Amino acid sequence: MIEEYKKMKWFFIWVLLLAGGMVFSNMSGYRVFSSGGQQQWKAGGPGLYHK
C-alpha cells in the first residue's frame, strides 16, 4: 500500500504546493482568480445592485 503512495509522490507534492500558495495568497490579500473591474455579489438576492 505504501508503494502505491510512493508512485503518486509528485502529485501530492504539487497538490500541497498549490494549496499552500492559495492559502498564502488568501491570507496576504492577493487575488488570484478575480480582477478589480468586476462587481462583487451581494447576499441580498436579485434587485440589489452594488453601487
N, C-alpha and C. Protein backbone atom coordinates (compact mmCIF):
# COMPACT_ATOMS: atom_id res chain seq x y z
N MET A 1 0.83 -1.20 0.00
CA MET A 1 0.00 0.00 0.00
C MET A 1 0.87 1.25 0.00
N ILE A 2 1.98 1.20 0.69
CA ILE A 2 2.88 2.35 0.72
C ILE A 2 3.52 2.56 -0.66
N GLU A 3 3.76 1.48 -1.37
CA GLU A 3 4.36 1.60 -2.71
C GLU A 3 3.46 2.38 -3.67
N GLU A 4 2.15 2.23 -3.52
CA GLU A 4 1.22 2.97 -4.38
C GLU A 4 1.31 4.46 -4.10
N TYR A 5 1.50 4.84 -2.84
CA TYR A 5 1.63 6.26 -2.50
C TYR A 5 2.97 6.82 -2.97
N LYS A 6 3.99 5.98 -2.98
CA LYS A 6 5.29 6.45 -3.46
C LYS A 6 5.23 6.79 -4.95
N LYS A 7 4.41 6.06 -5.71
CA LYS A 7 4.26 6.36 -7.13
C LYS A 7 3.58 7.71 -7.35
N MET A 8 2.72 8.10 -6.44
CA MET A 8 1.98 9.35 -6.56
C MET A 8 2.62 10.48 -5.76
N LYS A 9 3.87 10.31 -5.39
CA LYS A 9 4.54 11.29 -4.53
C LYS A 9 4.53 12.68 -5.13
N TRP A 10 4.84 12.81 -6.43
CA TRP A 10 4.90 14.13 -7.04
C TRP A 10 3.53 14.77 -7.16
N PHE A 11 2.50 13.95 -7.31
CA PHE A 11 1.14 14.51 -7.33
C PHE A 11 0.80 15.16 -5.99
N PHE A 12 1.12 14.46 -4.90
CA PHE A 12 0.84 15.00 -3.57
C PHE A 12 1.67 16.25 -3.30
N ILE A 13 2.92 16.27 -3.78
CA ILE A 13 3.76 17.44 -3.58
C ILE A 13 3.16 18.65 -4.31
N TRP A 14 2.70 18.46 -5.56
CA TRP A 14 2.10 19.56 -6.31
C TRP A 14 0.81 20.03 -5.65
N VAL A 15 0.00 19.11 -5.17
CA VAL A 15 -1.25 19.50 -4.52
C VAL A 15 -0.96 20.32 -3.27
N LEU A 16 0.01 19.89 -2.48
CA LEU A 16 0.34 20.64 -1.27
C LEU A 16 0.92 22.02 -1.61
N LEU A 17 1.75 22.10 -2.63
CA LEU A 17 2.30 23.39 -3.02
C LEU A 17 1.21 24.34 -3.52
N LEU A 18 0.30 23.83 -4.34
CA LEU A 18 -0.77 24.67 -4.84
C LEU A 18 -1.71 25.11 -3.72
N ALA A 19 -2.05 24.20 -2.83
CA ALA A 19 -2.93 24.56 -1.72
C ALA A 19 -2.25 25.57 -0.80
N GLY A 20 -0.96 25.37 -0.55
CA GLY A 20 -0.22 26.33 0.28
C GLY A 20 -0.15 27.70 -0.37
N GLY A 21 0.04 27.73 -1.67
CA GLY A 21 0.06 29.01 -2.37
C GLY A 21 -1.28 29.72 -2.33
N MET A 22 -2.36 28.96 -2.45
CA MET A 22 -3.69 29.56 -2.38
C MET A 22 -3.98 30.11 -0.99
N VAL A 23 -3.60 29.37 0.04
CA VAL A 23 -3.81 29.85 1.41
C VAL A 23 -2.98 31.10 1.67
N PHE A 24 -1.73 31.09 1.22
CA PHE A 24 -0.86 32.25 1.42
C PHE A 24 -1.40 33.48 0.70
N SER A 25 -1.87 33.29 -0.55
CA SER A 25 -2.39 34.43 -1.30
C SER A 25 -3.69 34.94 -0.67
N ASN A 26 -4.47 34.04 -0.11
CA ASN A 26 -5.71 34.45 0.56
C ASN A 26 -5.39 35.24 1.82
N MET A 27 -4.41 34.79 2.59
CA MET A 27 -4.06 35.48 3.83
C MET A 27 -3.39 36.82 3.57
N SER A 28 -2.63 36.92 2.48
CA SER A 28 -1.92 38.16 2.19
C SER A 28 -2.78 39.16 1.42
N GLY A 29 -3.97 38.75 1.01
CA GLY A 29 -4.88 39.66 0.32
C GLY A 29 -4.66 39.73 -1.17
N TYR A 30 -3.81 38.89 -1.73
CA TYR A 30 -3.57 38.88 -3.16
C TYR A 30 -4.66 38.08 -3.86
N ARG A 31 -5.31 38.68 -4.85
CA ARG A 31 -6.38 37.98 -5.55
C ARG A 31 -5.80 37.18 -6.71
N VAL A 32 -6.12 35.92 -6.78
CA VAL A 32 -5.59 35.05 -7.82
C VAL A 32 -6.55 34.97 -9.00
N PHE A 33 -7.81 34.72 -8.73
CA PHE A 33 -8.77 34.42 -9.80
C PHE A 33 -9.76 35.55 -10.09
N SER A 34 -9.55 36.74 -9.53
CA SER A 34 -10.52 37.81 -9.77
C SER A 34 -9.80 39.07 -10.20
N SER A 35 -10.49 39.88 -10.99
CA SER A 35 -9.93 41.16 -11.41
C SER A 35 -10.66 42.28 -10.69
N GLY A 36 -10.06 43.44 -10.65
CA GLY A 36 -10.63 44.55 -9.89
C GLY A 36 -11.84 45.18 -10.55
N GLY A 37 -12.08 44.93 -11.84
CA GLY A 37 -13.18 45.58 -12.53
C GLY A 37 -14.52 44.92 -12.36
N GLN A 38 -14.58 43.78 -11.72
CA GLN A 38 -15.84 43.07 -11.58
C GLN A 38 -16.58 43.52 -10.32
N GLN A 39 -17.91 43.49 -10.42
CA GLN A 39 -18.72 43.83 -9.27
C GLN A 39 -18.77 42.64 -8.31
N GLN A 40 -18.87 42.95 -7.04
CA GLN A 40 -18.97 41.91 -6.03
C GLN A 40 -20.43 41.50 -5.86
N TRP A 41 -20.65 40.21 -5.69
CA TRP A 41 -22.01 39.72 -5.47
C TRP A 41 -22.45 40.07 -4.05
N LYS A 42 -23.72 40.42 -3.93
CA LYS A 42 -24.29 40.73 -2.63
C LYS A 42 -25.21 39.59 -2.19
N ALA A 43 -25.37 39.46 -0.89
CA ALA A 43 -26.17 38.36 -0.36
C ALA A 43 -27.66 38.68 -0.37
N GLY A 44 -28.03 39.89 -0.79
CA GLY A 44 -29.44 40.29 -0.72
C GLY A 44 -30.30 39.71 -1.81
N GLY A 45 -29.73 39.10 -2.82
CA GLY A 45 -30.51 38.50 -3.88
C GLY A 45 -30.70 39.47 -5.04
N PRO A 46 -31.54 39.10 -6.00
CA PRO A 46 -31.74 39.96 -7.17
C PRO A 46 -32.44 41.26 -6.81
N GLY A 47 -32.12 42.31 -7.55
CA GLY A 47 -32.76 43.60 -7.30
C GLY A 47 -31.88 44.54 -6.49
N LEU A 48 -30.89 44.02 -5.81
CA LEU A 48 -29.96 44.86 -5.06
C LEU A 48 -28.63 44.88 -5.80
N TYR A 49 -28.24 46.04 -6.28
CA TYR A 49 -27.04 46.15 -7.09
C TYR A 49 -25.94 46.86 -6.30
N HIS A 50 -24.73 46.49 -6.62
CA HIS A 50 -23.58 47.11 -5.97
C HIS A 50 -23.39 48.52 -6.54
N LYS A 51 -23.36 49.52 -5.67
CA LYS A 51 -23.20 50.91 -6.13
C LYS A 51 -21.90 51.48 -5.60
